[in-house]
Protein backbone atom coordinates (compact mmCIF):
# COMPACT_ATOMS: atom_id res chain seq x y z
CA MET A 1 5.68 14.01 14.81
CA HIS A 2 4.93 13.93 18.51
CA ASP A 3 5.92 10.76 20.41
CA ALA A 4 2.31 9.87 21.32
CA ALA A 5 1.12 10.31 17.73
CA LYS A 6 4.00 8.22 16.40
CA LYS A 7 3.26 5.44 18.89
CA ARG A 8 -0.45 5.49 17.94
CA LEU A 9 0.40 5.27 14.23
CA ASP A 10 2.97 2.51 14.80
CA SER A 11 0.43 0.53 16.85
CA ARG A 12 -2.21 0.83 14.11
CA LEU A 13 0.27 -0.25 11.43
CA ALA A 14 1.32 -3.24 13.57
CA ARG A 15 -2.33 -4.28 14.01
CA HIS A 16 -2.89 -3.88 10.27
CA ALA A 17 0.17 -6.01 9.41
CA ARG A 18 -0.93 -8.72 11.87
CA VAL A 19 -4.38 -8.93 10.23
CA ARG A 20 -3.00 -8.79 6.67
CA LYS A 21 -0.90 -11.90 7.34
CA LYS A 22 -4.13 -13.87 7.68
CA ILE A 23 -6.55 -12.35 5.15
CA SER A 24 -6.38 -11.98 1.40
CA GLY A 25 -8.87 -11.05 -1.30
CA THR A 26 -9.72 -13.18 -4.33
CA PRO A 27 -11.73 -12.29 -7.46
CA GLU A 28 -14.78 -14.11 -6.00
CA CYS A 29 -14.35 -12.72 -2.48
CA PRO A 30 -12.32 -9.48 -2.60
CA ARG A 31 -10.85 -7.66 0.39
CA LEU A 32 -12.85 -4.63 1.55
CA THR A 33 -10.27 -2.26 2.97
CA VAL A 34 -10.96 0.96 4.83
CA ARG A 35 -8.77 4.07 5.07
CA ARG A 36 -9.79 6.71 7.56
CA THR A 37 -8.51 10.28 7.60
CA LEU A 38 -9.62 13.13 9.82
CA LYS A 39 -12.07 14.37 7.17
CA ASN A 40 -12.77 11.45 4.83
CA MET A 41 -13.21 7.70 4.48
CA ILE A 42 -11.94 5.68 1.55
CA ALA A 43 -13.29 2.18 0.91
CA GLN A 44 -11.81 -0.17 -1.67
CA LEU A 45 -12.44 -3.67 -2.95
CA ILE A 46 -9.11 -5.30 -3.76
CA ASP A 47 -8.26 -8.51 -5.59
CA ASP A 48 -4.97 -9.60 -3.99
CA VAL A 49 -4.43 -12.39 -6.52
CA LYS A 50 -4.18 -9.98 -9.47
CA HIS A 51 -3.06 -7.04 -7.29
CA VAL A 52 -5.81 -4.75 -8.61
CA SER A 53 -8.43 -2.50 -7.10
CA ILE A 54 -11.91 -3.54 -8.26
CA LEU A 55 -13.85 -0.58 -6.81
CA GLN A 56 -12.98 2.53 -4.85
CA PHE A 57 -15.24 5.12 -3.25
CA SER A 58 -14.34 8.12 -1.12
CA THR A 59 -16.35 10.61 0.92
CA GLY A 60 -13.99 13.27 -0.44
CA SER A 61 -15.10 12.96 -4.08
CA LYS A 62 -16.97 15.89 -5.61
CA GLU A 63 -19.97 13.76 -6.55
CA PHE A 64 -20.27 12.31 -3.04
CA GLN A 65 -19.89 15.72 -1.37
CA ALA A 66 -22.52 17.24 -3.67
CA GLU A 67 -25.01 14.58 -2.61
CA PHE A 68 -24.12 13.92 1.06
CA GLY A 69 -21.76 16.75 2.07
CA GLU A 70 -24.08 18.22 4.68
CA LEU A 71 -24.28 14.98 6.72
CA ALA A 72 -22.12 14.14 9.75
CA LYS A 73 -18.99 12.04 9.10
CA THR A 74 -20.52 8.86 10.54
CA GLU A 75 -23.60 9.24 8.35
CA GLN A 76 -21.37 9.88 5.32
CA SER A 77 -19.55 6.62 6.09
CA ARG A 78 -22.89 4.81 6.24
CA LYS A 79 -23.87 6.21 2.82
CA LEU A 80 -20.43 5.32 1.45
CA GLY A 81 -20.92 1.69 2.52
CA ALA A 82 -24.31 1.55 0.84
CA LYS A 83 -22.91 2.99 -2.43
CA LEU A 84 -20.01 0.54 -2.36
CA ALA A 85 -22.30 -2.44 -1.76
CA GLU A 86 -24.60 -1.37 -4.59
CA ALA A 87 -21.68 -1.11 -7.02
CA ALA A 88 -20.25 -4.44 -5.81
CA LYS A 89 -23.56 -6.21 -6.41
CA ALA A 90 -23.66 -4.71 -9.91
CA LYS A 91 -20.27 -6.35 -10.54
CA GLY A 92 -21.56 -9.70 -9.20
CA ILE A 93 -19.75 -9.61 -5.86
CA GLU A 94 -21.78 -11.19 -3.03
CA ALA A 95 -19.14 -11.70 -0.32
CA VAL A 96 -16.03 -9.83 0.85
CA VAL A 97 -13.31 -10.14 3.47
CA PHE A 98 -13.31 -7.09 5.75
CA ASP A 99 -9.95 -5.41 6.44
CA ARG A 100 -10.43 -2.64 8.98
CA GLY A 101 -6.88 -1.41 8.41
CA GLY A 102 -5.87 -1.65 12.06
CA TYR A 103 -8.57 0.82 13.09
CA ILE A 104 -10.83 0.07 16.03
CA TYR A 105 -14.19 -1.37 14.94
CA HIS A 106 -16.13 1.63 16.20
CA GLY A 107 -17.68 4.82 14.88
CA ARG A 108 -17.14 5.47 11.17
CA VAL A 109 -15.49 2.10 10.46
CA GLN A 110 -18.38 0.26 12.14
CA ALA A 111 -21.00 2.40 10.36
CA LEU A 112 -19.45 1.61 6.96
CA ALA A 113 -19.22 -2.12 7.69
CA GLU A 114 -22.80 -2.38 8.97
CA SER A 115 -24.23 -0.52 5.97
CA VAL A 116 -22.39 -2.88 3.59
CA ARG A 117 -23.85 -5.85 5.49
CA GLU A 118 -27.35 -4.35 5.46
CA ALA A 119 -27.10 -3.93 1.68
CA GLY A 120 -26.64 -7.70 1.36
CA ILE A 121 -22.88 -8.23 1.08
CA LYS A 122 -21.66 -11.06 3.33
CA PHE A 123 -18.48 -10.99 5.44
């Protein structure tokens, strides 16, 4: 790995660790965590008390790509947030703690977060 890429990754992981010291998900208010790759976004609701994933959605899944594959990545993230919020409400979840994973709150991460908020989930 190139030095600049390693430094960028180490910085993101340090930011993520710093945030994770302060936030934790509960069954009533789970942690909404975001994982961003070059092609896809993965969003998960995690209960840190029981150490289980409540919900997980990815833009890389076959079902998601069949429905929204032609959209730009930012728009896919927006749709992913809406799907996640809809499923969370079906499970009775009204509020979450947002964990941006050390990523900058911009672009795809911001689009996902705003669409979850617009769908009625508080954080």
